[in-house]
Each structure stands twice: as structure tokens, then as C-alpha cells.
């Protein structure tokens, strides 16, 4: 058996290769005004782009810039912690450049 090679590329490097056209006028995802902390914690855990966070004061934060448009948050908490979810307008959003 051969020894497995160590991982040399991080997820941040892969995500950094994508190109994002952020629609500053129309957010394609919005969170509820007062999301349930347990549901929001699920979003923090499942978002592959790590866009859902809890700040030092314990407040939920979210930034749709950098969204991979995978829909995981819509499935996990659509209609509850995630108030709206839609694909970005044409020519906006993520353009995958590697993988």
C-alpha cells in the first residue's frame, strides 16, 4: 500500500478561482429578519461557501456575494431562516472556472 499524498490545495484556493458577478441591486438570497438560532446554526454548518456566520456578539450575519448557487440553504431552511432564494439575474452570480 502506498502512503496517501497530503492535501496541498485548500477549498479557499478552489473557491478563489471562480468568478463572481455580484448583483448589488438585487440580493438573490435574503435571511429572515429574526431567524431561529438553531436553524441559522444549521446554515452555518452546511453552506459550502461559508457565507452564513455568527459574529462575536452572537448575531447572525450573511453575505450573498460569493454564493455558489447550490441551493443547500434553500433546502435546509427555506421559508424559515432563509426568507427568499432565487437564482441571480442573467449574467450575474458565479462562473465556475475550475473543476
PDB file of N, CA and C in Angstrom:
ATOM      1  N   UNK A   1       0.829  -1.183   0.000  1.00  0.00           N
ATOM      2  CA  UNK A   1       0.000   0.000   0.000  1.00  0.00           C
ATOM      3  C   UNK A   1       0.870   1.241   0.000  1.00  0.00           C
ATOM      4  N   UNK A   2       0.471   2.205  -0.797  1.00  0.00           N
ATOM      5  CA  UNK A   2       1.236   3.449  -0.824  1.00  0.00           C
ATOM      6  C   UNK A   2       0.675   4.428   0.196  1.00  0.00           C
ATOM      7  N   UNK A   3       1.500   5.331   0.607  1.00  0.00           N
ATOM      8  CA  UNK A   3       1.097   6.354   1.564  1.00  0.00           C
ATOM      9  C   UNK A   3       0.316   7.434   0.824  1.00  0.00           C
ATOM     10  N   UNK A   4      -0.854   7.833   1.340  1.00  0.00           N
ATOM     11  CA  UNK A   4      -1.624   8.879   0.654  1.00  0.00           C
ATOM     12  C   UNK A   4      -0.867  10.205   0.660  1.00  0.00           C
ATOM     13  N   UNK A   5      -1.013  10.909  -0.433  1.00  0.00           N
ATOM     14  CA  UNK A   5      -0.371  12.223  -0.535  1.00  0.00           C
ATOM     15  C   UNK A   5      -1.129  13.226   0.331  1.00  0.00           C
ATOM     16  N   UNK A   6      -0.421  14.147   0.946  1.00  0.00           N
ATOM     17  CA  UNK A   6      -1.102  15.174   1.748  1.00  0.00           C
ATOM     18  C   UNK A   6      -1.879  16.131   0.838  1.00  0.00           C
ATOM     19  N   UNK A   7      -2.944  16.688   1.382  1.00  0.00           N
ATOM     20  CA  UNK A   7      -3.724  17.668   0.640  1.00  0.00           C
ATOM     21  C   UNK A   7      -2.908  18.938   0.506  1.00  0.00           C
ATOM     22  N   UNK A   8      -2.787  19.407  -0.716  1.00  0.00           N
ATOM     23  CA  UNK A   8      -1.970  20.595  -0.945  1.00  0.00           C
ATOM     24  C   UNK A   8      -2.786  21.803  -1.388  1.00  0.00           C
ATOM     25  N   UNK A   9      -4.068  21.614  -1.686  1.00  0.00           N
ATOM     26  CA  UNK A   9      -4.913  22.715  -2.131  1.00  0.00           C
ATOM     27  C   UNK A   9      -6.079  22.833  -1.161  1.00  0.00           C
ATOM     28  N   UNK A  10      -6.339  24.030  -0.700  1.00  0.00           N
ATOM     29  CA  UNK A  10      -7.444  24.244   0.229  1.00  0.00           C
ATOM     30  C   UNK A  10      -8.700  24.629  -0.539  1.00  0.00           C
ATOM     31  N   UNK A  11      -9.838  24.496   0.117  1.00  0.00           N
ATOM     32  CA  UNK A  11     -11.102  24.878  -0.506  1.00  0.00           C
ATOM     33  C   UNK A  11     -11.111  26.354  -0.860  1.00  0.00           C
ATOM     34  N   UNK A  12     -10.450  27.186  -0.063  1.00  0.00           N
ATOM     35  CA  UNK A  12     -10.391  28.612  -0.346  1.00  0.00           C
ATOM     36  C   UNK A  12      -9.692  28.873  -1.675  1.00  0.00           C
ATOM     37  N   UNK A  13      -8.670  28.077  -1.978  1.00  0.00           N
ATOM     38  CA  UNK A  13      -7.983  28.243  -3.249  1.00  0.00           C
ATOM     39  C   UNK A  13      -8.898  27.890  -4.414  1.00  0.00           C
ATOM     40  N   UNK A  14      -9.662  26.809  -4.283  1.00  0.00           N
ATOM     41  CA  UNK A  14     -10.589  26.433  -5.341  1.00  0.00           C
ATOM     42  C   UNK A  14     -11.682  27.488  -5.512  1.00  0.00           C
ATOM     43  N   UNK A  15     -12.257  27.955  -4.405  1.00  0.00           N
ATOM     44  CA  UNK A  15     -13.301  28.970  -4.492  1.00  0.00           C
ATOM     45  C   UNK A  15     -12.763  30.269  -5.072  1.00  0.00           C
ATOM     46  N   UNK A  16     -11.510  30.585  -4.793  1.00  0.00           N
ATOM     47  CA  UNK A  16     -10.894  31.799  -5.309  1.00  0.00           C
ATOM     48  C   UNK A  16     -10.711  31.787  -6.812  1.00  0.00           C
ATOM     49  N   UNK A  17     -10.776  30.619  -7.426  1.00  0.00           N
ATOM     50  CA  UNK A  17     -10.639  30.529  -8.878  1.00  0.00           C
ATOM     51  C   UNK A  17     -11.938  30.845  -9.602  1.00  0.00           C
ATOM     52  N   UNK A  18     -13.052  30.764  -8.902  1.00  0.00           N
ATOM     53  CA  UNK A  18     -14.336  31.099  -9.506  1.00  0.00           C
ATOM     54  C   UNK A  18     -14.422  32.599  -9.717  1.00  0.00           C
ATOM     55  N   UNK A  19     -15.288  32.991 -10.627  1.00  0.00           N
ATOM     56  CA  UNK A  19     -15.516  34.405 -10.876  1.00  0.00           C
ATOM     57  C   UNK A  19     -16.939  34.721 -10.436  1.00  0.00           C
ATOM     58  N   UNK A  20     -17.124  35.834  -9.762  1.00  0.00           N
ATOM     59  CA  UNK A  20     -18.431  36.219  -9.244  1.00  0.00           C
ATOM     60  C   UNK A  20     -18.809  37.585  -9.794  1.00  0.00           C
ATOM     61  N   UNK A  21     -20.004  37.665 -10.314  1.00  0.00           N
ATOM     62  CA  UNK A  21     -20.571  38.935 -10.742  1.00  0.00           C
ATOM     63  C   UNK A  21     -21.701  39.230  -9.767  1.00  0.00           C
ATOM     64  N   UNK A  22     -21.418  40.066  -8.791  1.00  0.00           N
ATOM     65  CA  UNK A  22     -22.366  40.332  -7.710  1.00  0.00           C
ATOM     66  C   UNK A  22     -23.377  41.388  -8.155  1.00  0.00           C
ATOM     67  N   UNK A  23     -24.645  41.068  -8.006  1.00  0.00           N
ATOM     68  CA  UNK A  23     -25.734  41.985  -8.328  1.00  0.00           C
ATOM     69  C   UNK A  23     -26.008  42.828  -7.088  1.00  0.00           C
ATOM     70  N   UNK A  24     -25.425  43.989  -7.037  1.00  0.00           N
ATOM     71  CA  UNK A  24     -25.547  44.863  -5.863  1.00  0.00           C
ATOM     72  C   UNK A  24     -26.966  45.398  -5.673  1.00  0.00           C
ATOM     73  N   UNK A  25     -27.763  45.418  -6.739  1.00  0.00           N
ATOM     74  CA  UNK A  25     -29.108  45.983  -6.660  1.00  0.00           C
ATOM     75  C   UNK A  25     -30.173  44.978  -6.222  1.00  0.00           C
ATOM     76  N   UNK A  26     -29.930  43.695  -6.477  1.00  0.00           N
ATOM     77  CA  UNK A  26     -30.929  42.669  -6.171  1.00  0.00           C
ATOM     78  C   UNK A  26     -30.267  41.474  -5.504  1.00  0.00           C
ATOM     79  N   UNK A  27     -30.433  41.357  -4.213  1.00  0.00           N
ATOM     80  CA  UNK A  27     -29.910  40.188  -3.496  1.00  0.00           C
ATOM     81  C   UNK A  27     -30.767  38.979  -3.878  1.00  0.00           C
ATOM     82  N   UNK A  28     -30.133  37.891  -4.298  1.00  0.00           N
ATOM     83  CA  UNK A  28     -30.905  36.715  -4.696  1.00  0.00           C
ATOM     84  C   UNK A  28     -31.242  35.821  -3.502  1.00  0.00           C
ATOM     85  N   UNK A  29     -30.622  36.089  -2.352  1.00  0.00           N
ATOM     86  CA  UNK A  29     -30.941  35.379  -1.116  1.00  0.00           C
ATOM     87  C   UNK A  29     -31.077  36.410  -0.005  1.00  0.00           C
ATOM     88  N   UNK A  30     -32.129  36.281   0.774  1.00  0.00           N
ATOM     89  CA  UNK A  30     -32.277  37.128   1.955  1.00  0.00           C
ATOM     90  C   UNK A  30     -32.606  36.221   3.139  1.00  0.00           C
ATOM     91  N   UNK A  31     -32.142  36.611   4.307  1.00  0.00           N
ATOM     92  CA  UNK A  31     -32.467  35.838   5.506  1.00  0.00           C
ATOM     93  C   UNK A  31     -33.626  36.517   6.226  1.00  0.00           C
ATOM     94  N   UNK A  32     -34.308  35.750   7.042  1.00  0.00           N
ATOM     95  CA  UNK A  32     -35.436  36.267   7.814  1.00  0.00           C
ATOM     96  C   UNK A  32     -34.950  37.354   8.762  1.00  0.00           C
ATOM     97  N   UNK A  33     -35.844  38.247   9.118  1.00  0.00           N
ATOM     98  CA  UNK A  33     -35.478  39.358   9.996  1.00  0.00           C
ATOM     99  C   UNK A  33     -34.937  38.868  11.333  1.00  0.00           C
ATOM    100  N   UNK A  34     -35.572  37.879  11.928  1.00  0.00           N
ATOM    101  CA  UNK A  34     -35.124  37.285  13.188  1.00  0.00           C
ATOM    102  C   UNK A  34     -35.101  35.764  13.023  1.00  0.00           C
ATOM    103  N   UNK A  35     -34.053  35.249  12.377  1.00  0.00           N
ATOM    104  CA  UNK A  35     -34.032  33.801  12.147  1.00  0.00           C
ATOM    105  C   UNK A  35     -33.854  33.020  13.439  1.00  0.00           C
ATOM    106  N   UNK A  36     -34.437  31.843  13.462  1.00  0.00           N
ATOM    107  CA  UNK A  36     -34.285  30.951  14.604  1.00  0.00           C
ATOM    108  C   UNK A  36     -32.806  30.592  14.756  1.00  0.00           C
ATOM    109  N   UNK A  37     -32.225  30.759  15.940  1.00  0.00           N
ATOM    110  CA  UNK A  37     -30.795  30.498  16.131  1.00  0.00           C
ATOM    111  C   UNK A  37     -30.382  29.066  15.790  1.00  0.00           C
ATOM    112  N   UNK A  38     -31.235  28.106  16.056  1.00  0.00           N
ATOM    113  CA  UNK A  38     -30.896  26.711  15.760  1.00  0.00           C
ATOM    114  C   UNK A  38     -30.874  26.488  14.246  1.00  0.00           C
ATOM    115  N   UNK A  39     -31.866  27.017  13.558  1.00  0.00           N
ATOM    116  CA  UNK A  39     -31.898  26.882  12.101  1.00  0.00           C
ATOM    117  C   UNK A  39     -30.735  27.626  11.466  1.00  0.00           C
ATOM    118  N   UNK A  40     -30.408  28.794  11.992  1.00  0.00           N
ATOM    119  CA  UNK A  40     -29.289  29.548  11.429  1.00  0.00           C
ATOM    120  C   UNK A  40     -27.978  28.802  11.658  1.00  0.00           C
ATOM    121  N   UNK A  41     -27.842  28.161  12.802  1.00  0.00           N
ATOM    122  CA  UNK A  41     -26.638  27.360  13.074  1.00  0.00           C
ATOM    123  C   UNK A  41     -26.495  26.230  12.060  1.00  0.00           C
ATOM    124  N   UNK A  42     -27.626  25.675  11.615  1.00  0.00           N
ATOM    125  CA  UNK A  42     -27.578  24.655  10.566  1.00  0.00           C
ATOM    126  C   UNK A  42     -27.027  25.250   9.271  1.00  0.00           C
ATOM    127  N   UNK A  43     -27.430  26.462   8.946  1.00  0.00           N
ATOM    128  CA  UNK A  43     -26.933  27.122   7.732  1.00  0.00           C
ATOM    129  C   UNK A  43     -25.433  27.381   7.831  1.00  0.00           C
ATOM    130  N   UNK A  44     -24.977  27.782   8.998  1.00  0.00           N
ATOM    131  CA  UNK A  44     -23.545  27.999   9.213  1.00  0.00           C
ATOM    132  C   UNK A  44     -22.790  26.705   8.922  1.00  0.00           C
ATOM    133  N   UNK A  45     -23.356  25.609   9.340  1.00  0.00           N
ATOM    134  CA  UNK A  45     -22.697  24.313   9.194  1.00  0.00           C
ATOM    135  C   UNK A  45     -22.728  23.782   7.772  1.00  0.00           C
ATOM    136  N   UNK A  46     -23.796  24.011   7.014  1.00  0.00           N
ATOM    137  CA  UNK A  46     -23.939  23.358   5.714  1.00  0.00           C
ATOM    138  C   UNK A  46     -23.517  24.188   4.507  1.00  0.00           C
ATOM    139  N   UNK A  47     -23.402  25.486   4.637  1.00  0.00           N
ATOM    140  CA  UNK A  47     -23.061  26.320   3.475  1.00  0.00           C
ATOM    141  C   UNK A  47     -21.628  26.039   3.015  1.00  0.00           C
ATOM    142  N   UNK A  48     -21.439  25.525   1.791  1.00  0.00           N
ATOM    143  CA  UNK A  48     -20.087  25.198   1.342  1.00  0.00           C
ATOM    144  C   UNK A  48     -19.201  26.416   1.119  1.00  0.00           C
ATOM    145  N   UNK A  49     -19.797  27.583   0.938  1.00  0.00           N
ATOM    146  CA  UNK A  49     -19.017  28.804   0.742  1.00  0.00           C
ATOM    147  C   UNK A  49     -18.829  29.580   2.044  1.00  0.00           C
ATOM    148  N   UNK A  50     -19.357  29.075   3.148  1.00  0.00           N
ATOM    149  CA  UNK A  50     -19.245  29.702   4.473  1.00  0.00           C
ATOM    150  C   UNK A  50     -19.745  31.142   4.480  1.00  0.00           C
ATOM    151  N   UNK A  51     -20.909  31.364   3.887  1.00  0.00           N
ATOM    152  CA  UNK A  51     -21.478  32.706   3.821  1.00  0.00           C
ATOM    153  C   UNK A  51     -22.332  33.057   5.028  1.00  0.00           C
ATOM    154  N   UNK A  52     -22.792  32.044   5.741  1.00  0.00           N
ATOM    155  CA  UNK A  52     -23.585  32.256   6.947  1.00  0.00           C
ATOM    156  C   UNK A  52     -22.641  32.189   8.142  1.00  0.00           C
ATOM    157  N   UNK A  53     -22.682  33.236   8.983  1.00  0.00           N
ATOM    158  CA  UNK A  53     -21.789  33.283  10.144  1.00  0.00           C
ATOM    159  C   UNK A  53     -22.521  33.884  11.333  1.00  0.00           C
ATOM    160  N   UNK A  54     -21.960  33.651  12.502  1.00  0.00           N
ATOM    161  CA  UNK A  54     -22.449  34.283  13.737  1.00  0.00           C
ATOM    162  C   UNK A  54     -21.295  35.131  14.241  1.00  0.00           C
ATOM    163  N   UNK A  55     -21.547  36.438  14.420  1.00  0.00           N
ATOM    164  CA  UNK A  55     -20.476  37.343  14.840  1.00  0.00           C
ATOM    165  C   UNK A  55     -20.173  37.208  16.331  1.00  0.00           C
ATOM    166  N   UNK A  56     -19.222  37.983  16.811  1.00  0.00           N
ATOM    167  CA  UNK A  56     -18.778  37.911  18.206  1.00  0.00           C
ATOM    168  C   UNK A  56     -19.897  38.198  19.189  1.00  0.00           C
ATOM    169  N   UNK A  57     -20.868  39.013  18.776  1.00  0.00           N
ATOM    170  CA  UNK A  57     -21.993  39.359  19.642  1.00  0.00           C
ATOM    171  C   UNK A  57     -23.107  38.313  19.588  1.00  0.00           C
ATOM    172  N   UNK A  58     -22.908  37.267  18.777  1.00  0.00           N
ATOM    173  CA  UNK A  58     -23.915  36.225  18.660  1.00  0.00           C
ATOM    174  C   UNK A  58     -24.991  36.511  17.631  1.00  0.00           C
ATOM    175  N   UNK A  59     -24.802  37.570  16.840  1.00  0.00           N
ATOM    176  CA  UNK A  59     -25.783  37.950  15.826  1.00  0.00           C
ATOM    177  C   UNK A  59     -25.505  37.219  14.513  1.00  0.00           C
ATOM    178  N   UNK A  60     -26.558  36.753  13.830  1.00  0.00           N
ATOM    179  CA  UNK A  60     -26.356  36.093  12.542  1.00  0.00           C
ATOM    180  C   UNK A  60     -25.968  37.101  11.466  1.00  0.00           C
ATOM    181  N   UNK A  61     -25.016  36.731  10.629  1.00  0.00           N
ATOM    182  CA  UNK A  61     -24.614  37.574   9.507  1.00  0.00           C
ATOM    183  C   UNK A  61     -24.619  36.734   8.239  1.00  0.00           C
ATOM    184  N   UNK A  62     -24.864  37.383   7.117  1.00  0.00           N
ATOM    185  CA  UNK A  62     -24.914  36.704   5.833  1.00  0.00           C
ATOM    186  C   UNK A  62     -24.537  37.679   4.740  1.00  0.00           C
ATOM    187  N   UNK A  63     -23.777  37.193   3.758  1.00  0.00           N
ATOM    188  CA  UNK A  63     -23.421  37.989   2.592  1.00  0.00           C
ATOM    189  C   UNK A  63     -23.560  37.102   1.372  1.00  0.00           C
ATOM    190  N   UNK A  64     -24.438  37.463   0.459  1.00  0.00           N
ATOM    191  CA  UNK A  64     -24.692  36.614  -0.704  1.00  0.00           C
ATOM    192  C   UNK A  64     -23.581  36.668  -1.748  1.00  0.00           C
ATOM    193  N   UNK A  65     -22.666  37.629  -1.650  1.00  0.00           N
ATOM    194  CA  UNK A  65     -21.535  37.680  -2.575  1.00  0.00           C
ATOM    195  C   UNK A  65     -20.669  36.449  -2.332  1.00  0.00           C
ATOM    196  N   UNK A  66     -20.353  35.735  -3.373  1.00  0.00           N
ATOM    197  CA  UNK A  66     -19.581  34.509  -3.235  1.00  0.00           C
ATOM    198  C   UNK A  66     -20.443  33.265  -3.168  1.00  0.00           C
ATOM    199  N   UNK A  67     -21.748  33.423  -3.354  1.00  0.00           N
ATOM    200  CA  UNK A  67     -22.671  32.296  -3.305  1.00  0.00           C
ATOM    201  C   UNK A  67     -22.386  31.342  -4.463  1.00  0.00           C
ATOM    202  N   UNK A  68     -22.385  30.052  -4.180  1.00  0.00           N
ATOM    203  CA  UNK A  68     -22.154  29.030  -5.195  1.00  0.00           C
ATOM    204  C   UNK A  68     -23.438  28.594  -5.895  1.00  0.00           C
ATOM    205  N   UNK A  69     -24.572  29.130  -5.472  1.00  0.00           N
ATOM    206  CA  UNK A  69     -25.881  28.844  -6.062  1.00  0.00           C
ATOM    207  C   UNK A  69     -26.230  27.361  -6.010  1.00  0.00           C
ATOM    208  N   UNK A  70     -25.798  26.689  -4.964  1.00  0.00           N
ATOM    209  CA  UNK A  70     -26.040  25.245  -4.846  1.00  0.00           C
ATOM    210  C   UNK A  70     -27.438  24.939  -4.330  1.00  0.00           C
ATOM    211  N   UNK A  71     -28.068  25.873  -3.609  1.00  0.00           N
ATOM    212  CA  UNK A  71     -29.409  25.676  -3.094  1.00  0.00           C
ATOM    213  C   UNK A  71     -29.488  24.950  -1.773  1.00  0.00           C
ATOM    214  N   UNK A  72     -28.357  24.649  -1.166  1.00  0.00           N
ATOM    215  CA  UNK A  72     -28.363  23.931   0.105  1.00  0.00           C
ATOM    216  C   UNK A  72     -29.146  24.700   1.164  1.00  0.00           C
ATOM    217  N   UNK A  73     -28.939  26.001   1.260  1.00  0.00           N
ATOM    218  CA  UNK A  73     -29.639  26.792   2.277  1.00  0.00           C
ATOM    219  C   UNK A  73     -31.145  26.816   2.028  1.00  0.00           C
ATOM    220  N   UNK A  74     -31.543  26.809   0.777  1.00  0.00           N
ATOM    221  CA  UNK A  74     -32.970  26.790   0.433  1.00  0.00           C
ATOM    222  C   UNK A  74     -33.614  25.494   0.909  1.00  0.00           C
ATOM    223  N   UNK A  75     -32.889  24.393   0.773  1.00  0.00           N
ATOM    224  CA  UNK A  75     -33.417  23.096   1.188  1.00  0.00           C
ATOM    225  C   UNK A  75     -33.435  22.983   2.712  1.00  0.00           C
ATOM    226  N   UNK A  76     -32.365  23.430   3.362  1.00  0.00           N
ATOM    227  CA  UNK A  76     -32.247  23.287   4.811  1.00  0.00           C
ATOM    228  C   UNK A  76     -33.208  24.209   5.555  1.00  0.00           C
ATOM    229  N   UNK A  77     -33.325  25.461   5.129  1.00  0.00           N
ATOM    230  CA  UNK A  77     -34.116  26.413   5.912  1.00  0.00           C
ATOM    231  C   UNK A  77     -34.963  27.341   5.053  1.00  0.00           C
ATOM    232  N   UNK A  78     -35.332  26.907   3.879  1.00  0.00           N
ATOM    233  CA  UNK A  78     -36.151  27.741   3.005  1.00  0.00           C
ATOM    234  C   UNK A  78     -37.486  28.087   3.625  1.00  0.00           C
ATOM    235  N   UNK A  79     -37.818  29.373   3.599  1.00  0.00           N
ATOM    236  CA  UNK A  79     -39.085  29.822   4.158  1.00  0.00           C
ATOM    237  C   UNK A  79     -39.064  30.071   5.652  1.00  0.00           C
ATOM    238  N   UNK A  80     -37.985  29.681   6.305  1.00  0.00           N
ATOM    239  CA  UNK A  80     -37.887  29.910   7.747  1.00  0.00           C
ATOM    240  C   UNK A  80     -36.720  30.852   8.023  1.00  0.00           C
ATOM    241  N   UNK A  81     -35.509  30.356   8.057  1.00  0.00           N
ATOM    242  CA  UNK A  81     -34.347  31.220   8.267  1.00  0.00           C
ATOM    243  C   UNK A  81     -33.974  31.941   6.971  1.00  0.00           C
ATOM    244  N   UNK A  82     -34.194  31.282   5.830  1.00  0.00           N
ATOM    245  CA  UNK A  82     -33.969  31.910   4.528  1.00  0.00           C
ATOM    246  C   UNK A  82     -35.315  32.419   4.050  1.00  0.00           C
ATOM    247  N   UNK A  83     -35.453  33.740   3.973  1.00  0.00           N
ATOM    248  CA  UNK A  83     -36.738  34.330   3.589  1.00  0.00           C
ATOM    249  C   UNK A  83     -36.991  34.174   2.093  1.00  0.00           C
ATOM    250  N   UNK A  84     -35.993  34.462   1.270  1.00  0.00           N
ATOM    251  CA  UNK A  84     -36.139  34.324  -0.178  1.00  0.00           C
ATOM    252  C   UNK A  84     -34.876  33.708  -0.761  1.00  0.00           C
ATOM    253  N   UNK A  85     -35.081  32.922  -1.810  1.00  0.00           N
ATOM    254  CA  UNK A  85     -33.958  32.309  -2.534  1.00  0.00           C
ATOM    255  C   UNK A  85     -34.358  32.216  -3.995  1.00  0.00           C
ATOM    256  N   UNK A  86     -33.507  32.744  -4.867  1.00  0.00           N
ATOM    257  CA  UNK A  86     -33.718  32.656  -6.313  1.00  0.00           C
ATOM    258  C   UNK A  86     -32.352  32.682  -6.977  1.00  0.00           C
ATOM    259  N   UNK A  87     -32.293  32.177  -8.188  1.00  0.00           N
ATOM    260  CA  UNK A  87     -31.035  32.302  -8.914  1.00  0.00           C
ATOM    261  C   UNK A  87     -30.815  33.766  -9.249  1.00  0.00           C
ATOM    262  N   UNK A  88     -29.554  34.196  -9.342  1.00  0.00           N
ATOM    263  CA  UNK A  88     -29.285  35.582  -9.724  1.00  0.00           C
ATOM    264  C   UNK A  88     -29.808  35.879 -11.124  1.00  0.00           C
ATOM    265  N   UNK A  89     -29.954  37.149 -11.420  1.00  0.00           N
ATOM    266  CA  UNK A  89     -30.397  37.561 -12.747  1.00  0.00           C
ATOM    267  C   UNK A  89     -29.362  37.135 -13.793  1.00  0.00           C
ATOM    268  N   UNK A  90     -29.758  37.082 -15.061  1.00  0.00           N
ATOM    269  CA  UNK A  90     -28.817  36.691 -16.116  1.00  0.00           C
ATOM    270  C   UNK A  90     -27.534  37.522 -16.082  1.00  0.00           C
ATOM    271  N   UNK A  91     -26.437  36.881 -16.346  1.00  0.00           N
ATOM    272  CA  UNK A  91     -25.059  37.403 -16.336  1.00  0.00           C
ATOM    273  C   UNK A  91     -24.535  37.691 -14.937  1.00  0.00           C
ATOM    274  N   UNK A  92     -25.339  37.426 -13.922  1.00  0.00           N
ATOM    275  CA  UNK A  92     -24.903  37.636 -12.547  1.00  0.00           C
ATOM    276  C   UNK A  92     -24.648  36.296 -11.872  1.00  0.00           C
ATOM    277  N   UNK A  93     -23.929  36.323 -10.753  1.00  0.00           N
ATOM    278  CA  UNK A  93     -23.691  35.111  -9.979  1.00  0.00           C
ATOM    279  C   UNK A  93     -22.328  34.514 -10.225  1.00  0.00           C
ATOM    280  N   UNK A  94     -22.219  33.227  -9.996  1.00  0.00           N
ATOM    281  CA  UNK A  94     -20.937  32.529 -10.038  1.00  0.00           C
ATOM    282  C   UNK A  94     -20.655  31.999 -11.445  1.00  0.00           C
ATOM    283  N   UNK A  95     -19.401  32.052 -11.809  1.00  0.00           N
ATOM    284  CA  UNK A  95     -18.927  31.397 -13.032  1.00  0.00           C
ATOM    285  C   UNK A  95     -17.798  30.473 -12.594  1.00  0.00           C
ATOM    286  N   UNK A  96     -18.048  29.181 -12.710  1.00  0.00           N
ATOM    287  CA  UNK A  96     -17.063  28.201 -12.279  1.00  0.00           C
ATOM    288  C   UNK A  96     -15.899  28.171 -13.273  1.00  0.00           C
ATOM    289  N   UNK A  97     -14.694  28.259 -12.753  1.00  0.00           N
ATOM    290  CA  UNK A  97     -13.536  28.303 -13.625  1.00  0.00           C
ATOM    291  C   UNK A  97     -12.595  27.133 -13.431  1.00  0.00           C
ATOM    292  N   UNK A  98     -12.891  26.273 -12.450  1.00  0.00           N
ATOM    293  CA  UNK A  98     -12.039  25.122 -12.229  1.00  0.00           C
ATOM    294  C   UNK A  98     -12.837  24.027 -11.573  1.00  0.00           C
ATOM    295  N   UNK A  99     -12.819  22.857 -12.146  1.00  0.00           N
ATOM    296  CA  UNK A  99     -13.451  21.700 -11.524  1.00  0.00           C
ATOM    297  C   UNK A  99     -14.905  21.556 -11.737  1.00  0.00           C
TER     298      UNK A  99
END
